[in-house]
Amino acid sequence: MENKYIEEQKEICIKYNQDFFNTSLDLKIGISDNFNSGEIPLNGLRHFPEGDTSGWYIWAGEYSESEDFFKPIHIFHLLESFPDIVKFLGLPPGNRFLIDNKGYEDVWFDDGLLVYDTQRS
């Protein structure tokens, strides 16, 4: 089953002219409490991975600076609740995505995410 998702991730990377960055389903992501609320759009951004985290943060609707906005979950849980998100998780650090429930999809590179990572080190 994991091979299916890797192939989908590679297809997204090709579509958006990005290198594939393998992301194990056992790693964690930060996900907002309102992710399964039905709020749209769904947003994601990726920093560099650290430890057992993938660097991905995903949220629904409006972003919040609140310290408890994101909760860690293992990526394999997304396979159950929202498998369409998993195809974006092969994008390398510095990428963002935005999708809605009407088929809109956008992926772009944000070098500001990489600057943030160097400041954290």
N, C-alpha and C. Protein backbone atom coordinates (compact mmCIF):
# COMPACT_ATOMS: atom_id res chain seq x y z
N MET A 1 0.82 -1.20 0.00
CA MET A 1 0.00 0.00 0.00
C MET A 1 0.87 1.26 0.00
N GLU A 2 1.99 1.24 0.74
CA GLU A 2 2.84 2.42 0.82
C GLU A 2 3.40 2.79 -0.56
N ASN A 3 3.65 1.78 -1.41
CA ASN A 3 4.16 2.06 -2.75
C ASN A 3 3.19 2.91 -3.56
N LYS A 4 1.89 2.69 -3.39
CA LYS A 4 0.87 3.48 -4.09
C LYS A 4 1.04 4.96 -3.74
N TYR A 5 1.24 5.26 -2.48
CA TYR A 5 1.37 6.65 -2.04
C TYR A 5 2.70 7.26 -2.49
N ILE A 6 3.74 6.46 -2.52
CA ILE A 6 5.03 6.97 -3.00
C ILE A 6 4.91 7.35 -4.48
N GLU A 7 4.24 6.53 -5.26
CA GLU A 7 4.05 6.85 -6.68
C GLU A 7 3.23 8.12 -6.85
N GLU A 8 2.18 8.29 -6.05
CA GLU A 8 1.38 9.52 -6.11
C GLU A 8 2.21 10.74 -5.72
N GLN A 9 3.07 10.58 -4.71
CA GLN A 9 3.94 11.67 -4.28
C GLN A 9 4.92 12.05 -5.39
N LYS A 10 5.47 11.05 -6.04
CA LYS A 10 6.40 11.32 -7.14
C LYS A 10 5.70 12.05 -8.28
N GLU A 11 4.46 11.67 -8.57
CA GLU A 11 3.69 12.34 -9.62
C GLU A 11 3.46 13.81 -9.30
N ILE A 12 3.14 14.12 -8.04
CA ILE A 12 2.95 15.53 -7.64
C ILE A 12 4.27 16.29 -7.79
N CYS A 13 5.38 15.68 -7.41
CA CYS A 13 6.68 16.34 -7.54
C CYS A 13 7.00 16.63 -9.00
N ILE A 14 6.72 15.69 -9.87
CA ILE A 14 6.94 15.91 -11.31
C ILE A 14 6.03 17.02 -11.81
N LYS A 15 4.76 16.97 -11.43
CA LYS A 15 3.78 17.98 -11.87
C LYS A 15 4.23 19.40 -11.52
N TYR A 16 4.82 19.56 -10.34
CA TYR A 16 5.22 20.89 -9.87
C TYR A 16 6.73 21.13 -9.95
N ASN A 17 7.42 20.27 -10.72
CA ASN A 17 8.85 20.44 -10.99
C ASN A 17 9.67 20.53 -9.69
N GLN A 18 9.41 19.61 -8.79
CA GLN A 18 10.12 19.55 -7.51
C GLN A 18 10.78 18.18 -7.37
N ASP A 19 11.90 18.13 -6.66
CA ASP A 19 12.54 16.85 -6.37
C ASP A 19 11.69 16.08 -5.36
N PHE A 20 11.65 14.77 -5.53
CA PHE A 20 10.96 13.91 -4.58
C PHE A 20 11.77 13.82 -3.30
N PHE A 21 11.12 13.98 -2.15
CA PHE A 21 11.75 13.94 -0.84
C PHE A 21 10.99 12.89 -0.04
N ASN A 22 11.52 11.68 0.00
CA ASN A 22 10.80 10.56 0.62
C ASN A 22 10.42 10.88 2.07
N THR A 23 9.18 10.59 2.40
CA THR A 23 8.64 10.87 3.73
C THR A 23 7.96 9.61 4.24
N SER A 24 8.55 9.00 5.24
CA SER A 24 8.00 7.77 5.81
C SER A 24 6.65 8.03 6.47
N LEU A 25 5.74 7.09 6.30
CA LEU A 25 4.43 7.20 6.94
C LEU A 25 4.52 7.10 8.45
N ASP A 26 5.67 6.67 8.97
CA ASP A 26 5.87 6.56 10.42
C ASP A 26 6.27 7.89 11.07
N LEU A 27 6.64 8.87 10.25
CA LEU A 27 7.00 10.18 10.81
C LEU A 27 5.75 10.93 11.25
N LYS A 28 5.95 11.98 12.03
CA LYS A 28 4.85 12.79 12.53
C LYS A 28 4.72 14.08 11.73
N ILE A 29 3.51 14.61 11.71
CA ILE A 29 3.24 15.93 11.17
C ILE A 29 2.54 16.73 12.26
N GLY A 30 2.54 18.04 12.10
CA GLY A 30 1.74 18.89 12.96
C GLY A 30 0.42 19.14 12.23
N ILE A 31 -0.67 18.86 12.90
CA ILE A 31 -1.98 19.02 12.26
C ILE A 31 -2.90 19.82 13.19
N SER A 32 -3.68 20.70 12.62
CA SER A 32 -4.55 21.56 13.43
C SER A 32 -5.74 20.76 13.96
N ASP A 33 -6.26 21.21 15.10
CA ASP A 33 -7.44 20.57 15.69
C ASP A 33 -8.64 20.62 14.75
N ASN A 34 -8.72 21.67 13.94
CA ASN A 34 -9.89 21.83 13.07
C ASN A 34 -9.73 21.14 11.72
N PHE A 35 -8.69 20.35 11.55
CA PHE A 35 -8.39 19.73 10.26
C PHE A 35 -9.58 18.93 9.72
N ASN A 36 -10.23 18.16 10.56
CA ASN A 36 -11.36 17.33 10.12
C ASN A 36 -12.71 18.03 10.24
N SER A 37 -12.70 19.34 10.42
CA SER A 37 -13.94 20.08 10.66
C SER A 37 -14.74 20.37 9.39
N GLY A 38 -14.11 20.19 8.24
CA GLY A 38 -14.77 20.54 6.99
C GLY A 38 -14.44 21.95 6.53
N GLU A 39 -13.68 22.69 7.36
CA GLU A 39 -13.26 24.03 6.94
C GLU A 39 -12.36 23.92 5.72
N ILE A 40 -12.48 24.87 4.84
CA ILE A 40 -11.72 24.92 3.61
C ILE A 40 -11.10 26.30 3.50
N PRO A 41 -9.95 26.45 2.94
CA PRO A 41 -9.13 25.45 2.28
C PRO A 41 -8.27 24.67 3.27
N LEU A 42 -7.63 23.61 2.75
CA LEU A 42 -6.62 22.88 3.51
C LEU A 42 -5.26 23.39 3.05
N ASN A 43 -4.42 23.69 4.01
CA ASN A 43 -3.10 24.25 3.75
C ASN A 43 -2.02 23.36 4.34
N GLY A 44 -0.87 23.35 3.69
CA GLY A 44 0.27 22.63 4.22
C GLY A 44 1.55 23.37 3.90
N LEU A 45 2.51 23.26 4.80
CA LEU A 45 3.84 23.82 4.55
C LEU A 45 4.86 22.88 5.16
N ARG A 46 6.06 22.92 4.56
CA ARG A 46 7.10 21.99 5.02
C ARG A 46 8.40 22.70 5.34
N HIS A 47 8.84 22.47 6.59
CA HIS A 47 10.17 22.84 7.03
C HIS A 47 11.05 21.60 6.87
N PHE A 48 12.32 21.72 7.23
CA PHE A 48 13.19 20.54 7.22
C PHE A 48 12.74 19.58 8.32
N PRO A 49 12.82 18.27 8.06
CA PRO A 49 12.50 17.28 9.10
C PRO A 49 13.48 17.38 10.27
N GLU A 50 12.97 17.05 11.45
CA GLU A 50 13.80 17.00 12.66
C GLU A 50 13.36 15.80 13.48
N GLY A 51 14.31 14.97 13.87
CA GLY A 51 13.99 13.82 14.71
C GLY A 51 12.96 12.92 14.05
N ASP A 52 11.84 12.69 14.75
CA ASP A 52 10.78 11.82 14.22
C ASP A 52 9.67 12.61 13.54
N THR A 53 9.96 13.87 13.18
CA THR A 53 8.95 14.69 12.50
C THR A 53 9.33 14.86 11.03
N SER A 54 8.32 15.05 10.20
CA SER A 54 8.51 15.19 8.75
C SER A 54 8.77 16.63 8.32
N GLY A 55 8.48 17.58 9.20
CA GLY A 55 8.59 18.99 8.84
C GLY A 55 7.28 19.56 8.32
N TRP A 56 6.27 18.72 8.12
CA TRP A 56 4.97 19.17 7.60
C TRP A 56 4.06 19.70 8.69
N TYR A 57 3.36 20.80 8.37
CA TYR A 57 2.31 21.37 9.20
C TYR A 57 1.10 21.56 8.29
N ILE A 58 -0.04 21.03 8.71
CA ILE A 58 -1.24 21.06 7.89
C ILE A 58 -2.40 21.60 8.72
N TRP A 59 -3.19 22.50 8.12
CA TRP A 59 -4.32 23.08 8.83
C TRP A 59 -5.47 23.38 7.88
N ALA A 60 -6.63 23.56 8.48
CA ALA A 60 -7.85 23.91 7.73
C ALA A 60 -8.22 25.35 8.03
N GLY A 61 -8.73 26.04 7.01
CA GLY A 61 -9.20 27.41 7.22
C GLY A 61 -8.07 28.36 7.53
N GLU A 62 -8.31 29.20 8.51
CA GLU A 62 -7.35 30.24 8.88
C GLU A 62 -6.23 29.70 9.77
N TYR A 63 -5.03 30.19 9.53
CA TYR A 63 -3.85 29.84 10.33
C TYR A 63 -3.91 30.57 11.68
N SER A 64 -3.35 29.95 12.70
CA SER A 64 -3.29 30.58 14.02
C SER A 64 -1.86 30.50 14.55
N GLU A 65 -1.44 31.54 15.24
CA GLU A 65 -0.13 31.57 15.89
C GLU A 65 -0.16 30.92 17.28
N SER A 66 -1.31 30.45 17.69
CA SER A 66 -1.46 29.84 19.01
C SER A 66 -0.50 28.66 19.18
N GLU A 67 0.12 28.57 20.35
CA GLU A 67 1.09 27.50 20.61
C GLU A 67 0.48 26.10 20.52
N ASP A 68 -0.82 25.97 20.76
CA ASP A 68 -1.44 24.65 20.72
C ASP A 68 -2.26 24.43 19.44
N PHE A 69 -2.02 25.23 18.40
CA PHE A 69 -2.76 25.11 17.15
C PHE A 69 -2.48 23.76 16.46
N PHE A 70 -1.23 23.30 16.50
CA PHE A 70 -0.85 22.04 15.87
C PHE A 70 -0.64 20.95 16.90
N LYS A 71 -1.13 19.76 16.57
CA LYS A 71 -0.93 18.57 17.38
C LYS A 71 -0.16 17.55 16.55
N PRO A 72 0.78 16.81 17.16
CA PRO A 72 1.53 15.82 16.39
C PRO A 72 0.71 14.55 16.17
N ILE A 73 0.73 14.06 14.95
CA ILE A 73 0.16 12.74 14.65
C ILE A 73 1.08 12.05 13.64
N HIS A 74 1.03 10.73 13.62
CA HIS A 74 1.78 9.98 12.62
C HIS A 74 1.08 10.10 11.27
N ILE A 75 1.88 10.18 10.23
CA ILE A 75 1.33 10.35 8.89
C ILE A 75 0.39 9.21 8.52
N PHE A 76 0.67 8.00 8.98
CA PHE A 76 -0.19 6.88 8.58
C PHE A 76 -1.64 7.07 9.01
N HIS A 77 -1.89 7.94 10.01
CA HIS A 77 -3.27 8.23 10.40
C HIS A 77 -4.01 9.01 9.32
N LEU A 78 -3.28 9.77 8.50
CA LEU A 78 -3.91 10.49 7.40
C LEU A 78 -4.48 9.54 6.36
N LEU A 79 -3.89 8.36 6.25
CA LEU A 79 -4.40 7.38 5.29
C LEU A 79 -5.85 7.03 5.60
N GLU A 80 -6.19 7.04 6.88
CA GLU A 80 -7.55 6.71 7.31
C GLU A 80 -8.49 7.90 7.15
N SER A 81 -8.05 9.09 7.59
CA SER A 81 -8.95 10.23 7.65
C SER A 81 -8.94 11.12 6.41
N PHE A 82 -7.79 11.26 5.74
CA PHE A 82 -7.72 12.14 4.58
C PHE A 82 -6.58 11.70 3.66
N PRO A 83 -6.76 10.60 2.94
CA PRO A 83 -5.67 10.06 2.11
C PRO A 83 -5.25 10.98 0.98
N ASP A 84 -6.11 11.90 0.53
CA ASP A 84 -5.74 12.80 -0.57
C ASP A 84 -4.60 13.74 -0.20
N ILE A 85 -4.38 13.98 1.08
CA ILE A 85 -3.30 14.85 1.53
C ILE A 85 -1.94 14.16 1.38
N VAL A 86 -1.90 12.84 1.54
CA VAL A 86 -0.65 12.10 1.56
C VAL A 86 0.14 12.31 0.27
N LYS A 87 -0.54 12.51 -0.85
CA LYS A 87 0.17 12.66 -2.12
C LYS A 87 1.07 13.89 -2.16
N PHE A 88 0.83 14.88 -1.30
CA PHE A 88 1.65 16.09 -1.27
C PHE A 88 2.89 15.94 -0.38
N LEU A 89 2.94 14.91 0.42
CA LEU A 89 3.97 14.81 1.45
C LEU A 89 5.34 14.40 0.94
N GLY A 90 5.50 14.15 -0.35
CA GLY A 90 6.80 13.88 -0.94
C GLY A 90 7.48 15.15 -1.44
N LEU A 91 6.79 16.28 -1.33
CA LEU A 91 7.39 17.56 -1.73
C LEU A 91 8.49 17.92 -0.75
N PRO A 92 9.59 18.49 -1.22
CA PRO A 92 10.70 18.80 -0.32
C PRO A 92 10.45 20.01 0.57
N PRO A 93 11.28 20.20 1.59
CA PRO A 93 11.17 21.38 2.45
C PRO A 93 11.17 22.66 1.62
N GLY A 94 10.37 23.62 2.09
CA GLY A 94 10.22 24.88 1.39
C GLY A 94 8.96 24.95 0.56
N ASN A 95 8.24 23.85 0.47
CA ASN A 95 7.02 23.82 -0.32
C ASN A 95 5.79 24.05 0.53
N ARG A 96 4.77 24.59 -0.14
CA ARG A 96 3.44 24.78 0.43
C ARG A 96 2.42 24.20 -0.53
N PHE A 97 1.27 23.84 -0.01
CA PHE A 97 0.16 23.48 -0.87
C PHE A 97 -1.13 24.04 -0.30
N LEU A 98 -2.11 24.18 -1.17
CA LEU A 98 -3.44 24.65 -0.79
C LEU A 98 -4.44 23.90 -1.68
N ILE A 99 -5.44 23.28 -1.07
CA ILE A 99 -6.48 22.59 -1.83
C ILE A 99 -7.84 22.94 -1.25
N ASP A 100 -8.87 22.78 -2.08
CA ASP A 100 -10.23 22.94 -1.57
C ASP A 100 -11.04 21.70 -1.94
N ASN A 101 -12.33 21.75 -1.68
CA ASN A 101 -13.19 20.60 -1.93
C ASN A 101 -13.84 20.65 -3.32
N LYS A 102 -13.39 21.57 -4.17
CA LYS A 102 -13.94 21.70 -5.52
C LYS A 102 -12.90 21.38 -6.59
N GLY A 103 -11.78 20.79 -6.18
CA GLY A 103 -10.76 20.39 -7.14
C GLY A 103 -9.62 21.37 -7.31
N TYR A 104 -9.66 22.51 -6.61
CA TYR A 104 -8.57 23.47 -6.70
C TYR A 104 -7.34 22.91 -5.99
N GLU A 105 -6.19 23.08 -6.62
CA GLU A 105 -4.94 22.59 -6.07
C GLU A 105 -3.83 23.55 -6.48
N ASP A 106 -3.03 23.97 -5.53
CA ASP A 106 -1.89 24.82 -5.82
C ASP A 106 -0.71 24.38 -4.97
N VAL A 107 0.46 24.35 -5.57
CA VAL A 107 1.70 24.02 -4.88
C VAL A 107 2.70 25.09 -5.28
N TRP A 108 3.44 25.60 -4.31
CA TRP A 108 4.47 26.59 -4.62
C TRP A 108 5.61 26.50 -3.62
N PHE A 109 6.75 27.00 -4.07
CA PHE A 109 7.95 27.00 -3.24
C PHE A 109 8.04 28.34 -2.51
N ASP A 110 8.33 28.27 -1.22
CA ASP A 110 8.45 29.47 -0.39
C ASP A 110 9.80 29.41 0.32
N ASP A 111 10.80 30.11 -0.22
CA ASP A 111 12.13 30.03 0.38
C ASP A 111 12.17 30.62 1.78
N GLY A 112 11.15 31.37 2.18
CA GLY A 112 11.06 31.88 3.54
C GLY A 112 10.96 30.75 4.56
N LEU A 113 10.44 29.61 4.17
CA LEU A 113 10.37 28.47 5.08
C LEU A 113 11.76 27.93 5.38
N LEU A 114 12.66 28.04 4.44
CA LEU A 114 14.02 27.56 4.63
C LEU A 114 14.84 28.54 5.46
N VAL A 115 14.57 29.82 5.32
CA VAL A 115 15.23 30.84 6.14
C VAL A 115 14.87 30.63 7.59
N TYR A 116 13.59 30.34 7.84
CA TYR A 116 13.11 30.07 9.19
C TYR A 116 13.89 28.91 9.79
N ASP A 117 14.11 27.86 9.00
CA ASP A 117 14.82 26.69 9.50
C ASP A 117 16.25 27.03 9.90
N THR A 118 16.94 27.87 9.13
CA THR A 118 18.31 28.20 9.48
C THR A 118 18.36 29.06 10.73
N GLN A 119 17.31 29.84 10.99
CA GLN A 119 17.28 30.66 12.19
C GLN A 119 17.02 29.82 13.44
N ARG A 120 16.34 28.67 13.28
CA ARG A 120 16.04 27.81 14.42
C ARG A 120 17.28 27.05 14.87
N SER A 121 18.21 26.80 13.97
CA SER A 121 19.38 25.96 14.29
C SER A 121 20.30 26.63 15.29
